[in-house]
Amino acid sequence: MKGIVLSLGLPNRQRLRVPDLRRLMKRYGIYFLFAALLTGGLTLGVIYARNADAQTLRSLDFLFTTNLDARLGQGPFGIFCACFASDFLFLLCCYLFGIAAWGIPFLMALIAFKGFGTGVTAGFLCLSHSLSGAGFYLLVLLPGTFLFCVTLVRFGAGAFRYSKRAFCGLLQKAAPVLTPRQEFFSFSSRFLSALLTTFFASLLDTLLWTLFAGTFQF
């Protein structure tokens, strides 16, 4: 009986082995880094929103939702254009930094800045409109924002790798596995996929604004 118990316990120990942390970080480390930058920027944005004046918030409204009166006065098409233009600008900058050999620090700053703006929006709504602002953000803004942030982190990780390969290609003499043309078209196809997801995120934002924004009193 003891031998049976031991023989049954050994495979279980093998199945429950701790995964190789180094391999895990090598595969997903960039995602973890960008998620941490986004979260850190979000935290700073919430703190900044406590002390930001109205003029500063209005100047940030093109990139982030900090002027509810202007957004609520727009129709569905205007809301879609405002949401898509902001997200497209971030995605385009991510693409341009990705194809540059020197783009990695700017990519990291871009991800952190998106988190900062998200935090500013959330903090502004919650501090200015209390429960109504929090409900508005959770119901109307958060779904589309979350979808785009996930898209930005995923595409940003690809841009990080592309920029890293471009930088290393300037230093090493060995020929790359893929030609620069192949790598460029592969990266550009990822940009188009991220752009398509951003389009649907903006549609989701527009739908939620149209259906539920009028139910909140500010």
Protein backbone atom coordinates (compact mmCIF):
# COMPACT_ATOMS: atom_id res chain seq x y z
CA MET A 1 0.00 0.00 0.00
CA LYS A 2 2.85 2.39 0.83
CA GLY A 3 4.44 1.72 -2.55
CA ILE A 4 1.17 2.48 -4.33
CA VAL A 5 0.80 5.79 -2.50
CA LEU A 6 4.38 6.79 -3.35
CA SER A 7 4.01 5.78 -6.99
CA LEU A 8 0.81 7.82 -7.27
CA GLY A 9 2.34 10.85 -5.57
CA LEU A 10 5.42 11.11 -7.82
CA PRO A 11 3.62 12.00 -11.07
CA ASN A 12 1.59 14.62 -9.19
CA ARG A 13 4.79 16.26 -8.03
CA GLN A 14 6.05 16.26 -11.60
CA ARG A 15 2.83 17.84 -12.88
CA LEU A 16 2.99 20.59 -10.26
CA ARG A 17 6.54 21.65 -11.04
CA VAL A 18 7.24 25.38 -10.73
CA PRO A 19 7.63 26.84 -14.25
CA ASP A 20 10.98 28.17 -15.33
CA LEU A 21 10.88 31.81 -14.22
CA ARG A 22 13.62 32.82 -16.61
CA ARG A 23 11.78 31.40 -19.59
CA LEU A 24 8.54 33.01 -18.41
CA MET A 25 10.17 36.43 -18.11
CA LYS A 26 11.89 36.05 -21.47
CA ARG A 27 8.56 35.35 -23.14
CA TYR A 28 6.26 37.72 -21.25
CA GLY A 29 8.64 40.15 -19.53
CA ILE A 30 7.91 43.00 -21.95
CA TYR A 31 4.18 42.62 -21.34
CA PHE A 32 4.77 42.74 -17.58
CA LEU A 33 7.01 45.79 -17.96
CA PHE A 34 4.53 47.72 -20.09
CA ALA A 35 1.62 46.74 -17.81
CA ALA A 36 3.65 48.02 -14.84
CA LEU A 37 4.43 51.28 -16.68
CA LEU A 38 0.74 51.70 -17.51
CA THR A 39 -0.28 51.05 -13.91
CA GLY A 40 2.39 53.39 -12.55
CA GLY A 41 1.29 56.14 -14.93
CA LEU A 42 -2.34 55.57 -13.94
CA THR A 43 -1.45 56.01 -10.27
CA LEU A 44 0.43 59.24 -10.97
CA GLY A 45 -2.50 60.48 -13.06
CA VAL A 46 -4.96 59.94 -10.23
CA ILE A 47 -2.65 61.84 -7.87
CA TYR A 48 -2.18 64.65 -10.38
CA ALA A 49 -5.93 64.99 -10.94
CA ARG A 50 -6.33 66.06 -7.31
CA ASN A 51 -4.34 69.25 -7.91
CA ALA A 52 -4.87 69.97 -11.63
CA ASP A 53 -6.63 73.20 -12.57
CA ALA A 54 -9.42 73.52 -15.13
CA GLN A 55 -7.17 75.05 -17.80
CA THR A 56 -4.74 72.13 -17.66
CA LEU A 57 -7.56 69.61 -17.89
CA ARG A 58 -9.03 71.38 -20.92
CA SER A 59 -5.65 71.28 -22.65
CA LEU A 60 -5.50 67.51 -22.13
CA ASP A 61 -9.01 66.90 -23.46
CA PHE A 62 -7.84 66.09 -26.99
CA LEU A 63 -5.95 63.06 -25.68
CA PHE A 64 -8.12 62.19 -22.68
CA THR A 65 -11.71 62.69 -21.57
CA THR A 66 -11.50 65.64 -19.20
CA ASN A 67 -14.26 67.90 -20.57
CA LEU A 68 -17.58 66.11 -20.19
CA ASP A 69 -19.69 69.08 -21.24
CA ALA A 70 -18.03 69.26 -24.65
CA ARG A 71 -18.22 65.50 -25.21
CA LEU A 72 -21.86 65.23 -24.09
CA GLY A 73 -22.83 67.96 -26.55
CA GLN A 74 -21.54 65.95 -29.52
CA GLY A 75 -23.48 63.46 -31.59
CA PRO A 76 -22.45 59.81 -32.08
CA PHE A 77 -20.17 60.61 -35.03
CA GLY A 78 -18.40 63.35 -33.10
CA ILE A 79 -17.93 61.06 -30.09
CA PHE A 80 -16.49 58.33 -32.32
CA CYS A 81 -14.08 60.74 -33.98
CA ALA A 82 -12.91 62.09 -30.62
CA CYS A 83 -12.33 58.61 -29.20
CA PHE A 84 -10.69 57.19 -32.31
CA ALA A 85 -8.45 60.20 -32.95
CA SER A 86 -6.99 60.01 -29.44
CA ASP A 87 -6.35 56.26 -29.57
CA PHE A 88 -5.05 56.42 -33.14
CA LEU A 89 -2.50 59.05 -32.17
CA PHE A 90 -1.10 56.82 -29.42
CA LEU A 91 -1.03 53.80 -31.71
CA LEU A 92 0.66 55.74 -34.52
CA CYS A 93 3.34 57.06 -32.17
CA CYS A 94 3.91 53.52 -30.92
CA TYR A 95 4.35 52.37 -34.53
CA LEU A 96 6.77 55.17 -35.40
CA PHE A 97 8.86 54.60 -32.28
CA GLY A 98 8.88 50.88 -33.05
CA ILE A 99 10.46 51.28 -36.48
CA ALA A 100 13.16 53.54 -35.04
CA ALA A 101 16.32 51.98 -33.62
CA TRP A 102 16.29 54.57 -30.82
CA GLY A 103 12.58 54.19 -30.03
CA ILE A 104 12.60 52.00 -26.90
CA PRO A 105 12.81 54.80 -24.26
CA PHE A 106 10.08 56.74 -26.06
CA LEU A 107 7.88 53.64 -26.23
CA MET A 108 8.16 53.21 -22.48
CA ALA A 109 7.37 56.89 -21.92
CA LEU A 110 4.37 56.64 -24.28
CA ILE A 111 2.87 53.69 -22.39
CA ALA A 112 3.37 55.46 -19.07
CA PHE A 113 1.80 58.63 -20.47
CA LYS A 114 -1.28 56.71 -21.63
CA GLY A 115 -1.62 55.32 -18.11
CA PHE A 116 -1.18 58.85 -16.75
CA GLY A 117 -4.00 60.16 -18.93
CA THR A 118 -6.25 57.28 -17.97
CA GLY A 119 -5.60 58.06 -14.33
CA VAL A 120 -6.27 61.76 -14.87
CA THR A 121 -9.63 60.96 -16.47
CA ALA A 122 -10.65 58.53 -13.72
CA GLY A 123 -9.46 60.82 -10.94
CA PHE A 124 -11.10 63.89 -12.47
CA LEU A 125 -14.48 62.19 -12.82
CA CYS A 126 -14.43 60.65 -9.36
CA LEU A 127 -13.21 63.81 -7.60
CA SER A 128 -15.43 66.25 -9.51
CA HIS A 129 -18.65 64.21 -9.65
CA SER A 130 -18.23 61.67 -6.82
CA LEU A 131 -20.43 58.59 -7.28
CA SER A 132 -21.93 59.78 -10.56
CA GLY A 133 -18.47 60.28 -12.00
CA ALA A 134 -17.29 56.88 -10.79
CA GLY A 135 -20.37 55.18 -12.23
CA PHE A 136 -19.96 57.03 -15.51
CA TYR A 137 -16.33 55.96 -15.80
CA LEU A 138 -17.01 52.32 -14.94
CA LEU A 139 -20.02 51.95 -17.23
CA VAL A 140 -19.23 54.25 -20.15
CA LEU A 141 -15.48 54.80 -20.38
CA LEU A 142 -13.79 51.80 -18.82
CA PRO A 143 -14.78 49.04 -21.32
CA GLY A 144 -13.37 50.81 -24.37
CA THR A 145 -10.39 52.16 -22.43
CA PHE A 146 -9.51 48.70 -21.12
CA LEU A 147 -9.75 47.17 -24.60
CA PHE A 148 -7.49 49.82 -26.07
CA CYS A 149 -4.96 49.63 -23.22
CA VAL A 150 -4.64 45.87 -23.72
CA THR A 151 -4.19 46.47 -27.45
CA LEU A 152 -1.58 49.16 -26.81
CA VAL A 153 0.41 46.96 -24.42
CA ARG A 154 0.37 44.03 -26.87
CA PHE A 155 1.35 46.16 -29.84
CA GLY A 156 3.87 48.08 -27.74
CA ALA A 157 5.60 44.79 -26.88
CA GLY A 158 5.91 44.02 -30.59
CA ALA A 159 7.21 47.54 -31.24
CA PHE A 160 9.76 47.07 -28.45
CA ARG A 161 11.09 43.88 -30.06
CA TYR A 162 11.17 45.45 -33.52
CA SER A 163 13.06 48.50 -32.27
CA LYS A 164 15.46 46.27 -30.34
CA ARG A 165 16.20 44.18 -33.45
CA ALA A 166 16.73 47.36 -35.46
CA PHE A 167 19.20 48.65 -32.87
CA CYS A 168 21.05 45.35 -32.61
CA GLY A 169 21.15 45.11 -36.42
CA LEU A 170 23.19 48.30 -36.49
CA LEU A 171 25.80 46.77 -34.20
CA GLN A 172 26.12 43.17 -35.33
CA LYS A 173 27.67 41.93 -38.55
CA ALA A 174 25.70 38.68 -38.88
CA ALA A 175 22.79 38.70 -41.29
CA PRO A 176 19.32 38.71 -39.62
CA VAL A 177 17.01 35.70 -39.87
CA LEU A 178 14.38 37.76 -41.69
CA THR A 179 15.11 40.47 -44.23
CA PRO A 180 14.31 44.07 -43.18
CA ARG A 181 11.49 44.06 -45.75
CA GLN A 182 9.91 40.93 -44.21
CA GLU A 183 10.21 42.30 -40.69
CA PHE A 184 8.73 45.64 -41.72
CA PHE A 185 5.69 44.07 -43.39
CA SER A 186 5.17 41.71 -40.44
CA PHE A 187 5.29 44.61 -37.99
CA SER A 188 3.03 46.73 -40.20
CA SER A 189 0.46 43.93 -40.34
CA ARG A 190 0.42 43.93 -36.54
CA PHE A 191 -0.19 47.67 -36.64
CA LEU A 192 -3.19 47.18 -38.92
CA SER A 193 -4.57 44.49 -36.58
CA ALA A 194 -4.13 46.80 -33.59
CA LEU A 195 -5.76 49.60 -35.57
CA LEU A 196 -8.77 47.39 -36.29
CA THR A 197 -9.13 46.57 -32.58
CA THR A 198 -8.86 50.28 -31.81
CA PHE A 199 -11.66 50.94 -34.29
CA PHE A 200 -13.92 48.50 -32.45
CA ALA A 201 -12.91 49.99 -29.09
CA SER A 202 -13.99 53.40 -30.37
CA LEU A 203 -17.27 51.93 -31.61
CA LEU A 204 -17.83 50.45 -28.16
CA ASP A 205 -17.10 53.84 -26.58
CA THR A 206 -19.55 55.52 -28.94
CA LEU A 207 -22.27 52.96 -28.25
CA LEU A 208 -21.91 53.27 -24.47
CA TRP A 209 -21.81 57.07 -24.64
CA THR A 210 -24.96 57.12 -26.77
CA LEU A 211 -26.89 54.65 -24.62
CA PHE A 212 -25.89 55.60 -21.08
CA ALA A 213 -24.21 59.02 -20.95
CA GLY A 214 -27.54 60.82 -20.76
CA THR A 215 -28.60 58.89 -17.66
CA PHE A 216 -25.91 60.58 -15.52
CA GLN A 217 -26.48 64.01 -14.09
CA PHE A 218 -23.42 66.26 -13.84
